C-alpha atoms as a PDB file:
ATOM      1  CA  MET A   1     -56.903  66.459 340.109  1.00  0.00           C
ATOM      2  CA  THR A   2     -54.170  65.475 342.542  1.00  0.00           C
ATOM      3  CA  ALA A   3     -50.494  64.844 341.917  1.00  0.00           C
ATOM      4  CA  ARG A   4     -49.143  61.419 342.147  1.00  0.00           C
ATOM      5  CA  VAL A   5     -45.671  59.770 341.804  1.00  0.00           C
ATOM      6  CA  GLU A   6     -44.915  56.228 340.676  1.00  0.00           C
ATOM      7  CA  PHE A   7     -41.403  54.799 341.173  1.00  0.00           C
ATOM      8  CA  ASN A   8     -39.714  52.579 338.564  1.00  0.00           C
ATOM      9  CA  GLY A   9     -36.116  51.703 339.424  1.00  0.00           C
ATOM     10  CA  SER A  10     -34.085  54.937 339.341  1.00  0.00           C
ATOM     11  CA  SER A  11     -37.031  56.909 337.852  1.00  0.00           C
ATOM     12  CA  ALA A  12     -39.944  58.590 339.391  1.00  0.00           C
ATOM     13  CA  VAL A  13     -42.891  59.366 337.086  1.00  0.00           C
ATOM     14  CA  LEU A  14     -45.007  62.304 338.093  1.00  0.00           C
ATOM     15  CA  SER A  15     -48.663  62.562 337.074  1.00  0.00           C
ATOM     16  CA  GLY A  16     -51.619  64.857 337.621  1.00  0.00           C
ATOM     17  CA  ASP A  17     -51.429  68.581 338.477  1.00  0.00           C
ATOM     18  CA  LEU A  18     -48.366  70.118 340.171  1.00  0.00           C
ATOM     19  CA  LEU A  19     -50.079  73.042 341.689  1.00  0.00           C
ATOM     20  CA  PHE A  20     -49.922  74.915 344.942  1.00  0.00           C
ATOM     21  CA  GLY A  21     -52.434  72.590 346.593  1.00  0.00           C
ATOM     22  CA  THR A  22     -50.898  69.342 345.380  1.00  0.00           C
ATOM     23  CA  VAL A  23     -47.098  69.537 345.263  1.00  0.00           C
ATOM     24  CA  LEU A  24     -46.665  68.783 348.978  1.00  0.00           C
ATOM     25  CA  SER A  25     -48.248  65.373 348.550  1.00  0.00           C
ATOM     26  CA  VAL A  26     -45.405  64.240 346.232  1.00  0.00           C
ATOM     27  CA  ARG A  27     -42.571  66.258 347.722  1.00  0.00           C
ATOM     28  CA  THR A  28     -42.276  63.984 350.850  1.00  0.00           C
ATOM     29  CA  GLU A  29     -42.293  60.896 348.637  1.00  0.00           C
ATOM     30  CA  LEU A  30     -39.720  62.237 346.256  1.00  0.00           C
ATOM     31  CA  GLU A  31     -37.383  63.444 349.039  1.00  0.00           C
ATOM     32  CA  GLY A  32     -37.461  59.874 350.517  1.00  0.00           C
ATOM     33  CA  PHE A  33     -36.666  58.582 347.055  1.00  0.00           C
ATOM     34  CA  ILE A  34     -33.628  60.849 346.934  1.00  0.00           C
ATOM     35  CA  ASP A  35     -32.602  59.862 350.420  1.00  0.00           C
ATOM     36  CA  ARG A  36     -32.454  56.184 349.390  1.00  0.00           C
ATOM     37  CA  ALA A  37     -30.783  56.767 345.942  1.00  0.00           C
ATOM     38  CA  GLU A  38     -27.231  55.536 345.180  1.00  0.00           C
ATOM     39  CA  LYS A  39     -27.221  56.539 341.496  1.00  0.00           C
ATOM     40  CA  PRO A  40     -28.551  59.272 339.259  1.00  0.00           C
ATOM     41  CA  LEU A  41     -32.297  59.746 339.427  1.00  0.00           C
ATOM     42  CA  VAL A  42     -34.664  60.652 336.668  1.00  0.00           C
ATOM     43  CA  ILE A  43     -37.863  62.701 337.477  1.00  0.00           C
ATOM     44  CA  ASP A  44     -40.193  62.181 334.535  1.00  0.00           C
ATOM     45  CA  PHE A  45     -42.879  64.838 333.963  1.00  0.00           C
ATOM     46  CA  THR A  46     -44.545  63.002 331.039  1.00  0.00           C
ATOM     47  CA  GLN A  47     -47.899  62.527 332.711  1.00  0.00           C
ATOM     48  CA  VAL A  48     -48.127  66.024 334.334  1.00  0.00           C
ATOM     49  CA  SER A  49     -51.257  67.814 333.251  1.00  0.00           C
ATOM     50  CA  ARG A  50     -50.871  71.275 334.657  1.00  0.00           C
ATOM     51  CA  VAL A  51     -48.209  73.260 336.613  1.00  0.00           C
ATOM     52  CA  ASP A  52     -47.805  76.503 338.363  1.00  0.00           C
ATOM     53  CA  SER A  53     -44.780  78.191 340.077  1.00  0.00           C
ATOM     54  CA  SER A  54     -45.193  75.572 342.918  1.00  0.00           C
ATOM     55  CA  ALA A  55     -43.741  73.016 340.486  1.00  0.00           C
ATOM     56  CA  VAL A  56     -40.598  75.118 340.180  1.00  0.00           C
ATOM     57  CA  SER A  57     -40.362  75.359 343.942  1.00  0.00           C
ATOM     58  CA  LEU A  58     -40.695  71.643 344.193  1.00  0.00           C
ATOM     59  CA  TRP A  59     -37.894  71.090 341.686  1.00  0.00           C
ATOM     60  CA  LEU A  60     -35.716  73.556 343.709  1.00  0.00           C
ATOM     61  CA  CYS A  61     -36.322  71.577 346.947  1.00  0.00           C
ATOM     62  CA  LEU A  62     -35.543  68.318 345.185  1.00  0.00           C
ATOM     63  CA  GLN A  63     -32.270  69.769 343.830  1.00  0.00           C
ATOM     64  CA  ARG A  64     -31.203  70.956 347.263  1.00  0.00           C
ATOM     65  CA  ARG A  65     -31.932  67.459 348.590  1.00  0.00           C
ATOM     66  CA  SER A  66     -30.067  65.712 345.861  1.00  0.00           C
ATOM     67  CA  LYS A  67     -26.989  68.004 346.216  1.00  0.00           C
ATOM     68  CA  ARG A  68     -26.907  67.328 349.948  1.00  0.00           C
ATOM     69  CA  ASN A  69     -27.042  63.637 349.346  1.00  0.00           C
ATOM     70  CA  GLU A  70     -24.604  63.867 346.395  1.00  0.00           C
ATOM     71  CA  VAL A  71     -27.107  62.372 343.986  1.00  0.00           C
ATOM     72  CA  VAL A  72     -27.473  63.508 340.348  1.00  0.00           C
ATOM     73  CA  LEU A  73     -31.129  64.554 339.521  1.00  0.00           C
ATOM     74  CA  VAL A  74     -32.275  64.723 335.918  1.00  0.00           C
ATOM     75  CA  ALA A  75     -35.564  66.218 334.688  1.00  0.00           C
ATOM     76  CA  GLN A  76     -37.216  64.389 331.719  1.00  0.00           C
ATOM     77  CA  ASN A  77     -40.132  65.326 329.560  1.00  0.00           C
ATOM     78  CA  VAL A  78     -40.471  68.748 331.218  1.00  0.00           C
ATOM     79  CA  PRO A  79     -43.732  70.529 330.190  1.00  0.00           C
ATOM     80  CA  ALA A  80     -43.259  73.567 328.148  1.00  0.00           C
ATOM     81  CA  GLU A  81     -45.280  75.528 330.722  1.00  0.00           C
ATOM     82  CA  LEU A  82     -42.847  74.543 333.489  1.00  0.00           C
ATOM     83  CA  SER A  83     -39.830  75.559 331.360  1.00  0.00           C
ATOM     84  CA  SER A  84     -41.458  78.862 330.659  1.00  0.00           C
ATOM     85  CA  ILE A  85     -42.224  79.617 334.355  1.00  0.00           C
ATOM     86  CA  ALA A  86     -38.608  78.851 335.220  1.00  0.00           C
ATOM     87  CA  ARG A  87     -37.298  81.058 332.430  1.00  0.00           C
ATOM     88  CA  LEU A  88     -39.606  83.938 333.445  1.00  0.00           C
ATOM     89  CA  ALA A  89     -38.342  83.679 337.002  1.00  0.00           C
ATOM     90  CA  GLY A  90     -34.723  83.852 335.760  1.00  0.00           C
ATOM     91  CA  LEU A  91     -34.057  80.257 336.704  1.00  0.00           C
ATOM     92  CA  ASP A  92     -32.981  78.987 333.291  1.00  0.00           C
ATOM     93  CA  SER A  93     -30.054  77.054 334.802  1.00  0.00           C
ATOM     94  CA  LEU A  94     -32.305  74.623 336.787  1.00  0.00           C
ATOM     95  CA  GLY A  95     -32.311  71.865 334.086  1.00  0.00           C
ATOM     96  CA  LEU A  96     -36.021  72.358 333.421  1.00  0.00           C
ATOM     97  CA  SER A  97     -35.642  73.359 329.688  1.00  0.00           C
END
C-alpha cells in the first residue's frame, strides 16, 4: 500500500503505510504544506496502517522545516507503533506520544 496525504484547512491527514519505500511520496507534499502555512498545522495519523522508523525520520524532517518557517506542528492520533519506535530511539520529546 502507498502513503497518501489529504489536506483539509490547517490539517493534513495521512493514510496508508509510512514505510521506507513510501514516505518520500508524502514528504514533498507535506513540506510544501508547511512552506505555505501561516498558523499551527496538524498532522493527523488516524488513517495510517503501518509504520517503520522511516515515519520517525519523516516527522523529524517536518519538524525541522516547521521550525525554520516558524510554524507550530502538532501530531494527532499517533499510532502506538510510531510512539514506540520514537521512544526506543530515545526520541520521546518529538511530540509523537
